[in-house]
Amino acid sequence: MRKIIIIGECALQITFDGTAPVASAPHGVLLNAAAAIAASAQQVSLVSEIASDPVGDIILRYINDAGVDTESVDRYTGGATQLHLLFSDGKSSRYGAYHDSGFTVVWPRINPGDILLFGGNYALDPRARTRLFDIVRYARERNAKVIYVPDFEPARVRNITHLMPAILENFEAADIAVTTSADLRAIFRAKDPDEAFRDHISFYTDT
């Protein structure tokens, strides 16, 4: 059976109404994609990391209940699982601490015909990117289909010049890119998605 391997961050989002927390839920485009795809009876493996803390336990229970294979989820010590605080005015903050030894996840088994999705902060941050990209290259060598999901955080726009080489390399490594108009505006300052694809992405991936 073909597997879907997803590499992405895990966090817990806490939503505030004014100064009062009113809800919490697992957060992350790729995390929630893994849960949704597994719930549709697909075989899904998640490559990620969460601390050995109560917040990490909540996230692990969520993805296990969805039927996601968590063999490649690193439960690290010496840090704290990521929190994403979302406020009623639309502003957000991130808290948490990864361990110092880097992105030490167990590589998933990848077979020809499998699908690998990657993106988000892991695909840009030096701490995780080198090992992540090794897995992406391996997936290509194994004739898996590679999909890049930028999931670009608006707060990163101020560093876009520094990040652009990595972003373009990510597009180049992908058979398919799955993105949003908001991502394209943030990364390429493009108002029209078709124009952004034609002028910036089509050189690297054609879908």
N, C-alpha and C. Protein backbone atom coordinates (compact mmCIF):
# COMPACT_ATOMS: atom_id res chain seq x y z
N MET A 1 0.84 -1.20 0.00
CA MET A 1 0.00 0.00 0.00
C MET A 1 0.88 1.25 0.00
N ARG A 2 0.55 2.19 -0.83
CA ARG A 2 1.31 3.44 -0.89
C ARG A 2 1.19 4.22 0.41
N LYS A 3 2.31 4.74 0.89
CA LYS A 3 2.32 5.53 2.12
C LYS A 3 2.42 7.02 1.77
N ILE A 4 1.92 7.82 2.69
CA ILE A 4 2.08 9.26 2.63
C ILE A 4 2.92 9.66 3.84
N ILE A 5 4.07 10.26 3.58
CA ILE A 5 4.99 10.68 4.65
C ILE A 5 4.93 12.20 4.72
N ILE A 6 4.68 12.72 5.90
CA ILE A 6 4.52 14.16 6.09
C ILE A 6 5.54 14.65 7.10
N ILE A 7 6.35 15.65 6.71
CA ILE A 7 7.35 16.23 7.61
C ILE A 7 6.90 17.64 7.96
N GLY A 8 6.56 17.87 9.23
CA GLY A 8 6.10 19.19 9.62
C GLY A 8 6.05 19.36 11.12
N GLU A 9 6.01 20.61 11.55
CA GLU A 9 6.02 20.93 12.97
C GLU A 9 4.71 20.56 13.66
N CYS A 10 4.83 20.29 14.95
CA CYS A 10 3.67 20.07 15.82
C CYS A 10 3.63 21.18 16.88
N ALA A 11 2.46 21.72 17.11
CA ALA A 11 2.29 22.71 18.16
C ALA A 11 0.88 22.59 18.72
N LEU A 12 0.65 23.22 19.85
CA LEU A 12 -0.69 23.33 20.41
C LEU A 12 -1.09 24.80 20.34
N GLN A 13 -2.22 25.06 19.68
CA GLN A 13 -2.70 26.44 19.59
C GLN A 13 -3.67 26.72 20.73
N ILE A 14 -3.45 27.84 21.42
CA ILE A 14 -4.35 28.31 22.46
C ILE A 14 -4.97 29.62 21.97
N THR A 15 -6.29 29.65 21.88
CA THR A 15 -7.01 30.81 21.38
C THR A 15 -7.52 31.64 22.55
N PHE A 16 -7.32 32.96 22.44
CA PHE A 16 -7.71 33.89 23.50
C PHE A 16 -8.87 34.77 23.05
N ASP A 17 -9.76 35.07 23.98
CA ASP A 17 -10.77 36.10 23.80
C ASP A 17 -10.39 37.21 24.77
N GLY A 18 -9.78 38.27 24.25
CA GLY A 18 -9.18 39.27 25.12
C GLY A 18 -7.97 38.66 25.81
N THR A 19 -8.02 38.62 27.14
CA THR A 19 -6.90 38.03 27.89
C THR A 19 -7.23 36.63 28.40
N ALA A 20 -8.41 36.11 28.03
CA ALA A 20 -8.84 34.82 28.56
C ALA A 20 -8.66 33.72 27.51
N PRO A 21 -7.96 32.64 27.85
CA PRO A 21 -7.88 31.50 26.92
C PRO A 21 -9.24 30.81 26.84
N VAL A 22 -9.70 30.52 25.63
CA VAL A 22 -11.04 29.96 25.46
C VAL A 22 -11.04 28.61 24.76
N ALA A 23 -9.94 28.25 24.09
CA ALA A 23 -9.91 26.97 23.37
C ALA A 23 -8.47 26.58 23.10
N SER A 24 -8.27 25.29 22.89
CA SER A 24 -6.95 24.80 22.46
C SER A 24 -7.16 23.66 21.48
N ALA A 25 -6.20 23.53 20.56
CA ALA A 25 -6.27 22.47 19.55
C ALA A 25 -4.89 22.27 18.96
N PRO A 26 -4.57 21.06 18.50
CA PRO A 26 -3.29 20.84 17.80
C PRO A 26 -3.18 21.78 16.60
N HIS A 27 -1.99 22.33 16.40
CA HIS A 27 -1.79 23.37 15.40
C HIS A 27 -0.66 22.99 14.45
N GLY A 28 -0.88 23.29 13.19
CA GLY A 28 0.12 23.04 12.17
C GLY A 28 -0.56 22.50 10.92
N VAL A 29 -0.34 23.16 9.79
CA VAL A 29 -0.98 22.73 8.54
C VAL A 29 -0.64 21.28 8.22
N LEU A 30 0.63 20.94 8.33
CA LEU A 30 1.04 19.58 7.97
C LEU A 30 0.64 18.56 9.03
N LEU A 31 0.67 18.95 10.30
CA LEU A 31 0.18 18.08 11.37
C LEU A 31 -1.28 17.72 11.13
N ASN A 32 -2.11 18.72 10.87
CA ASN A 32 -3.53 18.47 10.69
C ASN A 32 -3.81 17.78 9.37
N ALA A 33 -2.96 18.01 8.36
CA ALA A 33 -3.09 17.25 7.11
C ALA A 33 -2.86 15.77 7.37
N ALA A 34 -1.84 15.46 8.17
CA ALA A 34 -1.57 14.05 8.49
C ALA A 34 -2.76 13.40 9.17
N ALA A 35 -3.34 14.09 10.14
CA ALA A 35 -4.49 13.54 10.86
C ALA A 35 -5.69 13.36 9.94
N ALA A 36 -5.94 14.35 9.08
CA ALA A 36 -7.10 14.27 8.18
C ALA A 36 -6.94 13.16 7.16
N ILE A 37 -5.74 13.02 6.59
CA ILE A 37 -5.51 11.99 5.58
C ILE A 37 -5.58 10.60 6.21
N ALA A 38 -5.01 10.44 7.40
CA ALA A 38 -5.07 9.15 8.08
C ALA A 38 -6.51 8.78 8.43
N ALA A 39 -7.32 9.78 8.78
CA ALA A 39 -8.71 9.52 9.12
C ALA A 39 -9.51 9.02 7.91
N SER A 40 -8.99 9.27 6.70
CA SER A 40 -9.66 8.79 5.49
C SER A 40 -9.13 7.43 5.06
N ALA A 41 -8.49 6.74 6.00
CA ALA A 41 -8.03 5.36 5.82
C ALA A 41 -6.80 5.25 4.92
N GLN A 42 -6.03 6.33 4.80
CA GLN A 42 -4.75 6.27 4.11
C GLN A 42 -3.66 5.93 5.12
N GLN A 43 -2.58 5.33 4.65
CA GLN A 43 -1.44 5.01 5.51
C GLN A 43 -0.53 6.23 5.57
N VAL A 44 -0.44 6.85 6.74
CA VAL A 44 0.28 8.12 6.91
C VAL A 44 1.32 8.00 8.01
N SER A 45 2.54 8.47 7.72
CA SER A 45 3.60 8.57 8.72
C SER A 45 3.94 10.04 8.92
N LEU A 46 4.07 10.46 10.17
CA LEU A 46 4.44 11.84 10.48
C LEU A 46 5.88 11.87 10.97
N VAL A 47 6.68 12.77 10.39
CA VAL A 47 8.05 13.00 10.81
C VAL A 47 8.08 14.35 11.52
N SER A 48 8.28 14.34 12.83
CA SER A 48 8.20 15.59 13.59
C SER A 48 8.85 15.38 14.94
N GLU A 49 8.65 16.34 15.84
CA GLU A 49 9.22 16.26 17.18
C GLU A 49 8.31 17.00 18.16
N ILE A 50 8.11 16.39 19.31
CA ILE A 50 7.36 17.00 20.40
C ILE A 50 8.07 16.63 21.70
N ALA A 51 8.03 17.53 22.64
CA ALA A 51 8.73 17.27 23.90
C ALA A 51 8.00 16.22 24.73
N SER A 52 8.75 15.63 25.64
CA SER A 52 8.15 14.68 26.59
C SER A 52 7.54 15.48 27.74
N ASP A 53 6.46 16.19 27.42
CA ASP A 53 5.77 17.03 28.41
C ASP A 53 4.26 16.86 28.22
N PRO A 54 3.43 17.41 29.10
CA PRO A 54 1.98 17.22 28.98
C PRO A 54 1.40 17.77 27.67
N VAL A 55 1.95 18.86 27.16
CA VAL A 55 1.47 19.40 25.89
C VAL A 55 1.78 18.42 24.76
N GLY A 56 2.97 17.86 24.79
CA GLY A 56 3.33 16.85 23.80
C GLY A 56 2.42 15.63 23.88
N ASP A 57 2.02 15.25 25.11
CA ASP A 57 1.11 14.11 25.27
C ASP A 57 -0.23 14.38 24.58
N ILE A 58 -0.72 15.62 24.68
CA ILE A 58 -2.00 15.99 24.03
C ILE A 58 -1.89 15.82 22.52
N ILE A 59 -0.80 16.31 21.95
CA ILE A 59 -0.63 16.23 20.50
C ILE A 59 -0.46 14.79 20.06
N LEU A 60 0.35 14.03 20.80
CA LEU A 60 0.58 12.63 20.43
C LEU A 60 -0.72 11.84 20.47
N ARG A 61 -1.55 12.08 21.46
CA ARG A 61 -2.84 11.38 21.56
C ARG A 61 -3.72 11.73 20.36
N TYR A 62 -3.70 12.99 19.96
CA TYR A 62 -4.50 13.45 18.80
C TYR A 62 -4.09 12.72 17.53
N ILE A 63 -2.78 12.65 17.26
CA ILE A 63 -2.36 12.04 16.01
C ILE A 63 -2.47 10.51 16.07
N ASN A 64 -2.27 9.93 17.25
CA ASN A 64 -2.48 8.49 17.38
C ASN A 64 -3.94 8.12 17.17
N ASP A 65 -4.85 8.92 17.75
CA ASP A 65 -6.28 8.66 17.60
C ASP A 65 -6.72 8.76 16.14
N ALA A 66 -6.01 9.59 15.36
CA ALA A 66 -6.34 9.72 13.94
C ALA A 66 -5.80 8.56 13.11
N GLY A 67 -4.92 7.76 13.70
CA GLY A 67 -4.37 6.62 12.99
C GLY A 67 -3.05 6.90 12.30
N VAL A 68 -2.36 7.98 12.69
CA VAL A 68 -1.08 8.34 12.09
C VAL A 68 0.04 7.51 12.71
N ASP A 69 0.94 7.02 11.88
CA ASP A 69 2.13 6.31 12.36
C ASP A 69 3.10 7.35 12.94
N THR A 70 3.47 7.18 14.21
CA THR A 70 4.31 8.16 14.90
C THR A 70 5.71 7.63 15.19
N GLU A 71 6.13 6.59 14.48
CA GLU A 71 7.46 6.02 14.72
C GLU A 71 8.57 7.05 14.49
N SER A 72 8.34 8.01 13.59
CA SER A 72 9.35 9.03 13.29
C SER A 72 9.08 10.36 14.00
N VAL A 73 8.28 10.32 15.06
CA VAL A 73 8.06 11.51 15.90
C VAL A 73 9.00 11.42 17.09
N ASP A 74 9.93 12.35 17.19
CA ASP A 74 10.92 12.35 18.27
C ASP A 74 10.32 12.99 19.52
N ARG A 75 10.28 12.26 20.63
CA ARG A 75 9.86 12.82 21.92
C ARG A 75 11.11 13.25 22.67
N TYR A 76 11.49 14.51 22.51
CA TYR A 76 12.75 14.99 23.08
C TYR A 76 12.57 15.46 24.52
N THR A 77 13.68 15.45 25.25
CA THR A 77 13.71 15.99 26.61
C THR A 77 14.57 17.25 26.59
N GLY A 78 14.54 17.99 27.68
CA GLY A 78 15.35 19.19 27.75
C GLY A 78 14.77 20.35 26.96
N GLY A 79 13.47 20.33 26.73
CA GLY A 79 12.82 21.42 25.99
C GLY A 79 11.34 21.42 26.28
N ALA A 80 10.58 22.15 25.49
CA ALA A 80 9.13 22.25 25.68
C ALA A 80 8.44 22.24 24.32
N THR A 81 7.32 21.54 24.23
CA THR A 81 6.54 21.50 23.01
C THR A 81 6.08 22.90 22.61
N GLN A 82 6.06 23.15 21.32
CA GLN A 82 5.70 24.46 20.81
C GLN A 82 4.25 24.83 21.13
N LEU A 83 4.06 26.08 21.55
CA LEU A 83 2.73 26.66 21.77
C LEU A 83 2.54 27.80 20.78
N HIS A 84 1.35 27.88 20.22
CA HIS A 84 0.98 28.97 19.32
C HIS A 84 -0.19 29.69 19.97
N LEU A 85 0.04 30.93 20.39
CA LEU A 85 -1.00 31.71 21.05
C LEU A 85 -1.66 32.62 20.03
N LEU A 86 -2.97 32.50 19.88
CA LEU A 86 -3.72 33.29 18.90
C LEU A 86 -4.69 34.19 19.63
N PHE A 87 -4.57 35.51 19.38
CA PHE A 87 -5.37 36.49 20.10
C PHE A 87 -6.52 37.01 19.23
N SER A 88 -7.53 37.59 19.88
CA SER A 88 -8.74 37.99 19.18
C SER A 88 -8.51 39.12 18.19
N ASP A 89 -7.40 39.85 18.31
CA ASP A 89 -7.09 40.90 17.34
C ASP A 89 -6.32 40.36 16.13
N GLY A 90 -6.14 39.05 16.08
CA GLY A 90 -5.44 38.43 14.96
C GLY A 90 -3.95 38.25 15.16
N LYS A 91 -3.39 38.85 16.19
CA LYS A 91 -1.97 38.70 16.47
C LYS A 91 -1.69 37.34 17.09
N SER A 92 -0.46 36.88 16.95
CA SER A 92 -0.10 35.58 17.49
C SER A 92 1.33 35.61 18.03
N SER A 93 1.62 34.66 18.90
CA SER A 93 2.96 34.51 19.46
C SER A 93 3.28 33.02 19.55
N ARG A 94 4.58 32.71 19.49
CA ARG A 94 5.03 31.32 19.60
C ARG A 94 5.95 31.17 20.80
N TYR A 95 5.79 30.06 21.49
CA TYR A 95 6.65 29.73 22.62
C TYR A 95 7.02 28.26 22.54
N GLY A 96 8.11 27.91 23.17
CA GLY A 96 8.57 26.52 23.17
C GLY A 96 10.06 26.47 22.95
N ALA A 97 10.65 25.33 23.21
CA ALA A 97 12.10 25.19 23.06
C ALA A 97 12.43 23.79 22.60
N TYR A 98 13.13 23.70 21.45
CA TYR A 98 13.61 22.42 20.98
C TYR A 98 14.91 22.07 21.71
N HIS A 99 15.25 20.80 21.72
CA HIS A 99 16.50 20.38 22.34
C HIS A 99 17.68 20.81 21.46
N ASP A 100 18.87 20.76 22.03
CA ASP A 100 20.05 21.32 21.37
C ASP A 100 20.69 20.39 20.34
N SER A 101 20.28 19.15 20.29
CA SER A 101 20.98 18.18 19.45
C SER A 101 20.49 18.15 18.01
N GLY A 102 19.59 19.05 17.65
CA GLY A 102 19.15 19.13 16.26
C GLY A 102 17.94 18.27 15.96
N PHE A 103 17.65 18.15 14.68
CA PHE A 103 16.47 17.44 14.19
C PHE A 103 16.79 15.95 14.09
N THR A 104 16.71 15.27 15.24
CA THR A 104 17.22 13.91 15.34
C THR A 104 16.11 12.87 15.17
N VAL A 105 15.24 13.08 14.23
CA VAL A 105 14.14 12.14 13.99
C VAL A 105 14.66 10.87 13.33
N VAL A 106 13.94 9.79 13.53
CA VAL A 106 14.22 8.53 12.84
C VAL A 106 13.68 8.64 11.41
N TRP A 107 14.52 8.33 10.43
CA TRP A 107 14.07 8.40 9.04
C TRP A 107 12.96 7.39 8.79
N PRO A 108 11.92 7.81 8.06
CA PRO A 108 10.88 6.84 7.71
C PRO A 108 11.33 5.95 6.55
N ARG A 109 10.72 4.80 6.42
CA ARG A 109 10.96 3.96 5.26
C ARG A 109 10.20 4.56 4.08
N ILE A 110 10.87 4.74 2.96
CA ILE A 110 10.26 5.34 1.78
C ILE A 110 10.44 4.39 0.60
N ASN A 111 9.34 4.05 -0.04
CA ASN A 111 9.35 3.13 -1.17
C ASN A 111 8.93 3.85 -2.45
N PRO A 112 9.31 3.32 -3.60
CA PRO A 112 8.85 3.90 -4.86
C PRO A 112 7.32 4.01 -4.89
N GLY A 113 6.84 5.16 -5.34
CA GLY A 113 5.39 5.38 -5.39
C GLY A 113 4.82 6.03 -4.16
N ASP A 114 5.58 6.08 -3.05
CA ASP A 114 5.11 6.80 -1.87
C ASP A 114 5.04 8.30 -2.16
N ILE A 115 4.36 9.03 -1.29
CA ILE A 115 4.23 10.48 -1.41
C ILE A 115 4.84 11.12 -0.18
N LEU A 116 5.69 12.11 -0.38
CA LEU A 116 6.29 12.84 0.74
C LEU A 116 5.89 14.32 0.66
N LEU A 117 5.31 14.84 1.75
CA LEU A 117 5.00 16.26 1.86
C LEU A 117 5.94 16.88 2.87
N PHE A 118 6.45 18.09 2.56
CA PHE A 118 7.28 18.81 3.51
C PHE A 118 7.04 20.30 3.35
N GLY A 119 7.44 21.06 4.38
CA GLY A 119 7.28 22.50 4.30
C GLY A 119 7.24 23.15 5.67
N GLY A 120 6.68 24.36 5.72
CA GLY A 120 6.59 25.09 6.97
C GLY A 120 7.95 25.53 7.48
N ASN A 121 8.03 25.75 8.78
CA ASN A 121 9.26 26.26 9.39
C ASN A 121 10.42 25.28 9.28
N TYR A 122 10.15 23.98 9.38
CA TYR A 122 11.23 23.00 9.28
C TYR A 122 12.01 23.16 7.98
N ALA A 123 11.32 23.51 6.90
CA ALA A 123 11.96 23.59 5.60
C ALA A 123 12.79 24.85 5.42
N LEU A 124 12.79 25.73 6.42
CA LEU A 124 13.54 26.99 6.35
C LEU A 124 14.55 27.15 7.47
N ASP A 125 14.28 26.58 8.63
CA ASP A 125 15.16 26.79 9.79
C ASP A 125 16.42 25.93 9.69
N PRO A 126 17.59 26.54 9.84
CA PRO A 126 18.84 25.77 9.73
C PRO A 126 18.91 24.58 10.69
N ARG A 127 18.31 24.68 11.86
CA ARG A 127 18.38 23.59 12.83
C ARG A 127 17.80 22.30 12.26
N ALA A 128 16.71 22.40 11.52
CA ALA A 128 16.04 21.21 11.01
C ALA A 128 16.26 20.97 9.52
N ARG A 129 16.56 22.04 8.78
CA ARG A 129 16.52 21.95 7.32
C ARG A 129 17.51 20.95 6.73
N THR A 130 18.72 20.90 7.24
CA THR A 130 19.73 20.03 6.63
C THR A 130 19.28 18.57 6.65
N ARG A 131 18.85 18.10 7.80
CA ARG A 131 18.41 16.70 7.91
C ARG A 131 17.12 16.48 7.14
N LEU A 132 16.20 17.45 7.21
CA LEU A 132 14.96 17.35 6.44
C LEU A 132 15.25 17.20 4.96
N PHE A 133 16.18 18.02 4.45
CA PHE A 133 16.44 18.00 3.02
C PHE A 133 17.15 16.71 2.61
N ASP A 134 17.90 16.12 3.52
CA ASP A 134 18.47 14.80 3.23
C ASP A 134 17.36 13.78 2.99
N ILE A 135 16.29 13.86 3.79
CA ILE A 135 15.16 12.95 3.63
C ILE A 135 14.45 13.22 2.30
N VAL A 136 14.31 14.51 1.95
CA VAL A 136 13.67 14.87 0.68
C VAL A 136 14.48 14.30 -0.50
N ARG A 137 15.79 14.47 -0.45
CA ARG A 137 16.63 13.94 -1.53
C ARG A 137 16.52 12.41 -1.62
N TYR A 138 16.50 11.77 -0.46
CA TYR A 138 16.36 10.32 -0.43
C TYR A 138 15.02 9.90 -1.04
N ALA A 139 13.96 10.65 -0.75
CA ALA A 139 12.65 10.34 -1.32
C ALA A 139 12.69 10.42 -2.84
N ARG A 140 13.38 11.41 -3.36
CA ARG A 140 13.50 11.53 -4.82
C ARG A 140 14.29 10.36 -5.40
N GLU A 141 15.35 9.97 -4.71
CA GLU A 141 16.13 8.82 -5.17
C GLU A 141 15.31 7.54 -5.17
N ARG A 142 14.35 7.46 -4.26
CA ARG A 142 13.49 6.29 -4.15
C ARG A 142 12.26 6.38 -5.06
N ASN A 143 12.22 7.42 -5.91
CA ASN A 143 11.11 7.61 -6.85
C ASN A 143 9.77 7.81 -6.15
N ALA A 144 9.83 8.50 -5.01
CA ALA A 144 8.59 8.94 -4.36
C ALA A 144 8.16 10.28 -4.96
N LYS A 145 6.90 10.58 -4.87
CA LYS A 145 6.38 11.89 -5.31
C LYS A 145 6.58 12.88 -4.17
N VAL A 146 7.23 14.02 -4.47
CA VAL A 146 7.55 15.02 -3.44
C VAL A 146 6.67 16.25 -3.63
N ILE A 147 6.05 16.69 -2.54
CA ILE A 147 5.15 17.84 -2.56
C ILE A 147 5.65 18.86 -1.53
N TYR A 148 5.81 20.11 -1.98
CA TYR A 148 6.24 21.19 -1.09
C TYR A 148 5.05 22.06 -0.72
N VAL A 149 4.86 22.26 0.59
CA VAL A 149 3.78 23.09 1.12
C VAL A 149 4.44 24.24 1.90
N PRO A 150 4.60 25.43 1.29
CA PRO A 150 5.36 26.50 1.97
C PRO A 150 4.82 26.86 3.35
N ASP A 151 3.48 26.97 3.51
CA ASP A 151 2.90 27.33 4.81
C ASP A 151 3.73 28.42 5.47
N PHE A 152 3.87 29.55 4.77
CA PHE A 152 4.81 30.59 5.15
C PHE A 152 4.21 31.52 6.21
N GLU A 153 4.92 31.68 7.33
CA GLU A 153 4.44 32.55 8.40
C GLU A 153 4.70 34.01 8.05
N PRO A 154 3.67 34.88 8.13
CA PRO A 154 3.86 36.30 7.78
C PRO A 154 4.99 36.98 8.55
N ALA A 155 5.26 36.53 9.77
CA ALA A 155 6.32 37.15 10.57
C ALA A 155 7.69 36.98 9.92
N ARG A 156 7.82 36.03 9.00
CA ARG A 156 9.10 35.78 8.34
C ARG A 156 9.37 36.72 7.17
N VAL A 157 8.40 37.54 6.80
CA VAL A 157 8.57 38.40 5.62
C VAL A 157 9.79 39.30 5.76
N ARG A 158 10.06 39.77 6.96
CA ARG A 158 11.20 40.69 7.15
C ARG A 158 12.53 40.02 6.82
N ASN A 159 12.56 38.68 6.81
CA ASN A 159 13.80 37.95 6.48
C ASN A 159 13.74 37.29 5.10
N ILE A 160 12.82 37.76 4.25
CA ILE A 160 12.56 37.04 3.01
C ILE A 160 13.79 36.97 2.11
N THR A 161 14.62 38.01 2.07
CA THR A 161 15.81 37.98 1.22
C THR A 161 16.75 36.86 1.66
N HIS A 162 16.91 36.71 2.96
CA HIS A 162 17.77 35.65 3.49
C HIS A 162 17.18 34.27 3.24
N LEU A 163 15.84 34.16 3.28
CA LEU A 163 15.18 32.86 3.17
C LEU A 163 14.96 32.41 1.73
N MET A 164 15.00 33.35 0.79
CA MET A 164 14.61 33.03 -0.58
C MET A 164 15.41 31.88 -1.20
N PRO A 165 16.74 31.80 -1.02
CA PRO A 165 17.45 30.65 -1.61
C PRO A 165 16.90 29.30 -1.15
N ALA A 166 16.57 29.20 0.13
CA ALA A 166 16.02 27.94 0.64
C ALA A 166 14.63 27.68 0.06
N ILE A 167 13.82 28.73 -0.04
CA ILE A 167 12.47 28.57 -0.59
C ILE A 167 12.53 28.07 -2.03
N LEU A 168 13.39 28.69 -2.83
CA LEU A 168 13.50 28.28 -4.23
C LEU A 168 14.05 26.87 -4.36
N GLU A 169 14.99 26.50 -3.49
CA GLU A 169 15.50 25.13 -3.51
C GLU A 169 14.40 24.14 -3.15
N ASN A 170 13.51 24.54 -2.22
CA ASN A 170 12.38 23.68 -1.87
C ASN A 170 11.46 23.47 -3.06
N PHE A 171 11.16 24.56 -3.78
CA PHE A 171 10.32 24.43 -4.98
C PHE A 171 10.99 23.50 -5.99
N GLU A 172 12.30 23.66 -6.16
CA GLU A 172 13.02 22.87 -7.15
C GLU A 172 13.01 21.39 -6.80
N ALA A 173 13.00 21.07 -5.52
CA ALA A 173 13.03 19.67 -5.09
C ALA A 173 11.68 18.99 -5.22
N ALA A 174 10.63 19.77 -5.48
CA ALA A 174 9.27 19.23 -5.46
C ALA A 174 8.75 18.90 -6.86
N ASP A 175 7.97 17.83 -6.92
CA ASP A 175 7.22 17.54 -8.13
C ASP A 175 5.97 18.42 -8.21
N ILE A 176 5.43 18.74 -7.05
CA ILE A 176 4.20 19.54 -6.94
C ILE A 176 4.37 20.51 -5.79
N ALA A 177 3.86 21.74 -5.97
CA ALA A 177 3.79 22.71 -4.87
C ALA A 177 2.32 22.97 -4.55
N VAL A 178 1.98 22.93 -3.27
CA VAL A 178 0.63 23.24 -2.81
C VAL A 178 0.73 24.46 -1.92
N THR A 179 0.12 25.57 -2.35
CA THR A 179 0.30 26.82 -1.62
C THR A 179 -1.00 27.61 -1.60
N THR A 180 -0.93 28.82 -1.08
CA THR A 180 -2.10 29.68 -0.95
C THR A 180 -1.78 31.06 -1.51
N SER A 181 -2.82 31.83 -1.78
CA SER A 181 -2.60 33.20 -2.23
C SER A 181 -1.84 34.01 -1.19
N ALA A 182 -2.13 33.75 0.09
CA ALA A 182 -1.44 34.48 1.16
C ALA A 182 0.05 34.16 1.16
N ASP A 183 0.40 32.88 0.96
CA ASP A 183 1.82 32.50 0.86
C ASP A 183 2.49 33.25 -0.30
N LEU A 184 1.84 33.27 -1.44
CA LEU A 184 2.43 33.88 -2.64
C LEU A 184 2.61 35.38 -2.46
N ARG A 185 1.66 36.02 -1.78
CA ARG A 185 1.81 37.46 -1.51
C ARG A 185 2.98 37.71 -0.57
N ALA A 186 3.11 36.87 0.45
CA ALA A 186 4.18 37.06 1.44
C ALA A 186 5.56 36.79 0.84
N ILE A 187 5.66 35.72 0.04
CA ILE A 187 6.97 35.32 -0.48
C ILE A 187 7.39 36.15 -1.68
N PHE A 188 6.46 36.35 -2.62
CA PHE A 188 6.82 36.99 -3.89
C PHE A 188 6.21 38.37 -4.08
N ARG A 189 5.44 38.83 -3.07
CA ARG A 189 4.74 40.12 -3.17
C ARG A 189 3.84 40.15 -4.41
N ALA A 190 3.24 39.04 -4.68
CA ALA A 190 2.41 38.89 -5.88
C ALA A 190 0.94 38.96 -5.51
N LYS A 191 0.20 39.80 -6.21
CA LYS A 191 -1.24 39.90 -5.98
C LYS A 191 -2.01 38.82 -6.74
N ASP A 192 -1.44 38.37 -7.85
CA ASP A 192 -2.13 37.40 -8.70
C ASP A 192 -1.40 36.05 -8.61
N PRO A 193 -2.09 34.99 -8.17
CA PRO A 193 -1.43 33.69 -8.04
C PRO A 193 -0.89 33.15 -9.36
N ASP A 194 -1.63 33.33 -10.45
CA ASP A 194 -1.15 32.83 -11.74
C ASP A 194 0.14 33.53 -12.15
N GLU A 195 0.20 34.83 -11.88
CA GLU A 195 1.41 35.59 -12.20
C GLU A 195 2.58 35.10 -11.35
N ALA A 196 2.33 34.84 -10.08
CA ALA A 196 3.39 34.36 -9.19
C ALA A 196 3.91 33.01 -9.67
N PHE A 197 2.99 32.13 -10.07
CA PHE A 197 3.44 30.83 -10.58
C PHE A 197 4.27 30.99 -11.84
N ARG A 198 3.78 31.79 -12.76
CA ARG A 198 4.47 31.95 -14.04
C ARG A 198 5.85 32.61 -13.88
N ASP A 199 5.92 33.64 -13.04
CA ASP A 199 7.14 34.43 -12.94
C ASP A 199 8.17 33.87 -11.96
N HIS A 200 7.72 33.08 -11.01
CA HIS A 200 8.63 32.67 -9.93
C HIS A 200 8.74 31.17 -9.71
N ILE A 201 7.66 30.41 -9.91
CA ILE A 201 7.64 29.01 -9.51
C ILE A 201 7.84 28.07 -10.67
N SER A 202 7.32 28.42 -11.84
CA SER A 202 7.32 27.49 -12.98
C SER A 202 8.72 27.13 -13.43
N PHE A 203 9.73 27.93 -13.08
CA PHE A 203 11.12 27.59 -13.39
C PHE A 203 11.59 26.36 -12.60
N TYR A 204 10.95 26.11 -11.45
CA TYR A 204 11.42 25.09 -10.53
C TYR A 204 10.53 23.86 -10.51
N THR A 205 9.23 24.06 -10.47
CA THR A 205 8.29 22.93 -10.51
C THR A 205 7.11 23.33 -11.37
N ASP A 206 6.61 22.42 -12.18
CA ASP A 206 5.61 22.80 -13.17
C ASP A 206 4.17 22.53 -12.75
N THR A 207 3.98 22.12 -11.50
CA THR A 207 2.61 21.86 -11.04
C THR A 207 2.37 22.54 -9.70
